[in-house]
Amino acid sequence: MQARNFSAHGSFGGSNIDYREQYVISQVYECILVRVVLKLLKYDGNYIDYGTLGYPEKNINCPSGDANIENL
């Protein structure tokens, strides 16, 4: 919840900016947006999960963020 507030409200927390963490969070947001669009288009194949380290290819019905989950 705090990561969402951090990006949504544009507060960069003064001098404690962790750019690496912000980059990862932005990739997770991008992944969520891509998944939403694909689901709206009734896509039922694989996609590249940019929200997970290593960018694994996953089925659209597989949750994002856990590299250990097998494709459905």
N, C-alpha and C. Protein backbone atom coordinates (compact mmCIF):
# COMPACT_ATOMS: atom_id res chain seq x y z
N MET A 1 0.83 -1.19 0.00
CA MET A 1 0.00 0.00 0.00
C MET A 1 0.88 1.26 0.00
N GLN A 2 1.97 1.24 0.75
CA GLN A 2 2.85 2.40 0.79
C GLN A 2 3.54 2.62 -0.55
N ALA A 3 3.88 1.53 -1.26
CA ALA A 3 4.51 1.67 -2.58
C ALA A 3 3.55 2.33 -3.55
N ARG A 4 2.28 2.00 -3.46
CA ARG A 4 1.28 2.61 -4.33
C ARG A 4 1.16 4.09 -4.02
N ASN A 5 1.09 4.46 -2.76
CA ASN A 5 0.96 5.86 -2.38
C ASN A 5 2.18 6.65 -2.83
N PHE A 6 3.34 6.06 -2.69
CA PHE A 6 4.59 6.70 -3.07
C PHE A 6 4.57 7.12 -4.54
N SER A 7 4.16 6.23 -5.42
CA SER A 7 4.12 6.53 -6.86
C SER A 7 2.91 7.36 -7.24
N ALA A 8 1.78 7.05 -6.67
CA ALA A 8 0.54 7.73 -7.06
C ALA A 8 0.55 9.21 -6.71
N HIS A 9 1.16 9.55 -5.59
CA HIS A 9 1.13 10.94 -5.14
C HIS A 9 2.40 11.72 -5.47
N GLY A 10 3.38 11.05 -6.04
CA GLY A 10 4.58 11.74 -6.49
C GLY A 10 5.48 12.24 -5.39
N SER A 11 5.31 11.74 -4.18
CA SER A 11 6.20 12.17 -3.10
C SER A 11 7.42 11.27 -3.10
N PHE A 12 8.57 11.82 -3.27
CA PHE A 12 9.78 11.05 -3.37
C PHE A 12 10.52 10.93 -2.05
N GLY A 13 9.89 11.25 -0.96
CA GLY A 13 10.44 11.00 0.37
C GLY A 13 11.74 11.72 0.69
N GLY A 14 11.98 12.87 0.12
CA GLY A 14 13.19 13.63 0.44
C GLY A 14 14.43 13.01 -0.15
N SER A 15 15.48 12.87 0.68
CA SER A 15 16.76 12.38 0.17
C SER A 15 16.88 10.85 0.22
N ASN A 16 15.84 10.15 0.67
CA ASN A 16 15.89 8.69 0.80
C ASN A 16 15.34 8.00 -0.44
N ILE A 17 15.60 8.49 -1.60
CA ILE A 17 15.04 7.92 -2.82
C ILE A 17 15.79 6.65 -3.18
N ASP A 18 15.07 5.55 -3.26
CA ASP A 18 15.65 4.28 -3.70
C ASP A 18 15.21 4.08 -5.15
N TYR A 19 16.07 4.49 -6.08
CA TYR A 19 15.72 4.46 -7.50
C TYR A 19 15.53 3.04 -8.00
N ARG A 20 16.28 2.11 -7.47
CA ARG A 20 16.14 0.70 -7.89
C ARG A 20 14.76 0.17 -7.51
N GLU A 21 14.33 0.48 -6.30
CA GLU A 21 13.01 0.04 -5.85
C GLU A 21 11.91 0.71 -6.70
N GLN A 22 12.07 1.99 -6.99
CA GLN A 22 11.10 2.68 -7.83
C GLN A 22 11.02 2.06 -9.21
N TYR A 23 12.16 1.66 -9.76
CA TYR A 23 12.20 1.03 -11.07
C TYR A 23 11.43 -0.30 -11.05
N VAL A 24 11.67 -1.10 -10.02
CA VAL A 24 10.99 -2.39 -9.90
C VAL A 24 9.48 -2.17 -9.75
N ILE A 25 9.10 -1.23 -8.93
CA ILE A 25 7.68 -0.94 -8.74
C ILE A 25 7.04 -0.49 -10.05
N SER A 26 7.75 0.32 -10.84
CA SER A 26 7.19 0.77 -12.12
C SER A 26 7.03 -0.41 -13.07
N GLN A 27 7.92 -1.39 -13.01
CA GLN A 27 7.77 -2.58 -13.85
C GLN A 27 6.56 -3.40 -13.42
N VAL A 28 6.30 -3.47 -12.13
CA VAL A 28 5.13 -4.19 -11.64
C VAL A 28 3.86 -3.50 -12.12
N TYR A 29 3.83 -2.17 -12.04
CA TYR A 29 2.66 -1.42 -12.54
C TYR A 29 2.45 -1.67 -14.03
N GLU A 30 3.52 -1.67 -14.79
CA GLU A 30 3.43 -1.92 -16.23
C GLU A 30 2.87 -3.32 -16.49
N CYS A 31 3.34 -4.28 -15.74
CA CYS A 31 2.88 -5.66 -15.89
C CYS A 31 1.38 -5.76 -15.60
N ILE A 32 0.93 -5.10 -14.55
CA ILE A 32 -0.49 -5.12 -14.21
C ILE A 32 -1.31 -4.51 -15.34
N LEU A 33 -0.87 -3.39 -15.86
CA LEU A 33 -1.58 -2.73 -16.94
C LEU A 33 -1.66 -3.62 -18.18
N VAL A 34 -0.54 -4.25 -18.54
CA VAL A 34 -0.51 -5.14 -19.70
C VAL A 34 -1.46 -6.31 -19.50
N ARG A 35 -1.44 -6.90 -18.31
CA ARG A 35 -2.34 -8.03 -18.04
C ARG A 35 -3.80 -7.62 -18.12
N VAL A 36 -4.14 -6.45 -17.61
CA VAL A 36 -5.53 -5.98 -17.67
C VAL A 36 -5.97 -5.82 -19.12
N VAL A 37 -5.13 -5.18 -19.94
CA VAL A 37 -5.48 -4.98 -21.35
C VAL A 37 -5.63 -6.33 -22.06
N LEU A 38 -4.69 -7.25 -21.82
CA LEU A 38 -4.78 -8.56 -22.46
C LEU A 38 -6.05 -9.30 -22.04
N LYS A 39 -6.41 -9.22 -20.77
CA LYS A 39 -7.63 -9.89 -20.31
C LYS A 39 -8.87 -9.24 -20.93
N LEU A 40 -8.87 -7.92 -21.06
CA LEU A 40 -10.01 -7.23 -21.70
C LEU A 40 -10.16 -7.66 -23.16
N LEU A 41 -9.04 -7.96 -23.80
CA LEU A 41 -9.06 -8.42 -25.18
C LEU A 41 -9.31 -9.93 -25.28
N LYS A 42 -9.59 -10.56 -24.11
CA LYS A 42 -9.87 -12.00 -24.03
C LYS A 42 -8.70 -12.85 -24.50
N TYR A 43 -7.49 -12.37 -24.27
CA TYR A 43 -6.27 -13.10 -24.60
C TYR A 43 -6.12 -14.25 -23.61
N ASP A 44 -5.75 -15.43 -24.10
CA ASP A 44 -5.65 -16.59 -23.23
C ASP A 44 -4.32 -17.33 -23.39
N GLY A 45 -3.28 -16.64 -23.84
CA GLY A 45 -1.99 -17.28 -24.06
C GLY A 45 -0.97 -16.87 -23.02
N ASN A 46 0.30 -16.90 -23.40
CA ASN A 46 1.40 -16.52 -22.52
C ASN A 46 1.79 -15.07 -22.72
N TYR A 47 2.39 -14.50 -21.69
CA TYR A 47 2.91 -13.13 -21.74
C TYR A 47 4.22 -13.12 -20.97
N ILE A 48 5.00 -12.07 -21.13
CA ILE A 48 6.26 -11.94 -20.39
C ILE A 48 5.97 -11.14 -19.13
N ASP A 49 6.29 -11.73 -17.99
CA ASP A 49 6.01 -11.12 -16.69
C ASP A 49 7.16 -10.19 -16.31
N TYR A 50 7.03 -8.92 -16.64
CA TYR A 50 8.06 -7.94 -16.32
C TYR A 50 8.08 -7.58 -14.84
N GLY A 51 7.11 -8.07 -14.07
CA GLY A 51 7.06 -7.81 -12.64
C GLY A 51 7.83 -8.83 -11.82
N THR A 52 8.46 -9.81 -12.48
CA THR A 52 9.22 -10.85 -11.80
C THR A 52 10.66 -10.85 -12.31
N LEU A 53 11.61 -11.02 -11.41
CA LEU A 53 13.01 -11.07 -11.83
C LEU A 53 13.23 -12.20 -12.84
N GLY A 54 14.00 -11.91 -13.86
CA GLY A 54 14.25 -12.90 -14.91
C GLY A 54 13.24 -12.85 -16.03
N TYR A 55 12.18 -12.10 -15.87
CA TYR A 55 11.12 -11.91 -16.88
C TYR A 55 10.63 -13.23 -17.46
N PRO A 56 10.07 -14.11 -16.62
CA PRO A 56 9.60 -15.40 -17.13
C PRO A 56 8.36 -15.25 -18.01
N GLU A 57 8.19 -16.19 -18.91
CA GLU A 57 6.97 -16.24 -19.72
C GLU A 57 5.95 -17.04 -18.94
N LYS A 58 4.77 -16.48 -18.77
CA LYS A 58 3.72 -17.12 -17.98
C LYS A 58 2.40 -17.09 -18.73
N ASN A 59 1.54 -17.98 -18.33
CA ASN A 59 0.18 -17.96 -18.86
C ASN A 59 -0.54 -16.77 -18.24
N ILE A 60 -1.42 -16.15 -18.98
CA ILE A 60 -2.13 -14.96 -18.52
C ILE A 60 -2.95 -15.24 -17.26
N ASN A 61 -3.34 -16.49 -17.03
CA ASN A 61 -4.13 -16.84 -15.85
C ASN A 61 -3.26 -17.13 -14.63
N CYS A 62 -1.95 -17.14 -14.78
CA CYS A 62 -1.02 -17.40 -13.69
C CYS A 62 -0.70 -16.07 -12.99
N PRO A 63 -0.76 -16.02 -11.65
CA PRO A 63 -0.48 -14.76 -10.95
C PRO A 63 0.92 -14.23 -11.24
N SER A 64 1.03 -12.94 -11.30
CA SER A 64 2.31 -12.28 -11.53
C SER A 64 3.09 -12.21 -10.22
N GLY A 65 4.42 -12.18 -10.34
CA GLY A 65 5.25 -11.88 -9.19
C GLY A 65 5.92 -13.05 -8.52
N ASP A 66 5.53 -14.26 -8.81
CA ASP A 66 6.17 -15.41 -8.17
C ASP A 66 6.79 -16.29 -9.24
N ALA A 67 8.10 -16.31 -9.31
CA ALA A 67 8.81 -17.05 -10.36
C ALA A 67 8.67 -18.55 -10.20
N ASN A 68 8.22 -19.04 -9.05
CA ASN A 68 8.14 -20.47 -8.80
C ASN A 68 6.80 -21.08 -9.21
N ILE A 69 5.85 -20.28 -9.64
CA ILE A 69 4.54 -20.81 -10.02
C ILE A 69 4.61 -21.36 -11.43
N GLU A 70 4.12 -22.55 -11.62
CA GLU A 70 4.10 -23.18 -12.94
C GLU A 70 2.99 -22.56 -13.77
N ASN A 71 3.16 -22.60 -15.09
CA ASN A 71 2.11 -22.14 -15.99
C ASN A 71 0.89 -23.02 -15.86
N LEU A 72 -0.27 -22.40 -15.95
CA LEU A 72 -1.54 -23.15 -15.87
C LEU A 72 -1.84 -23.83 -17.18
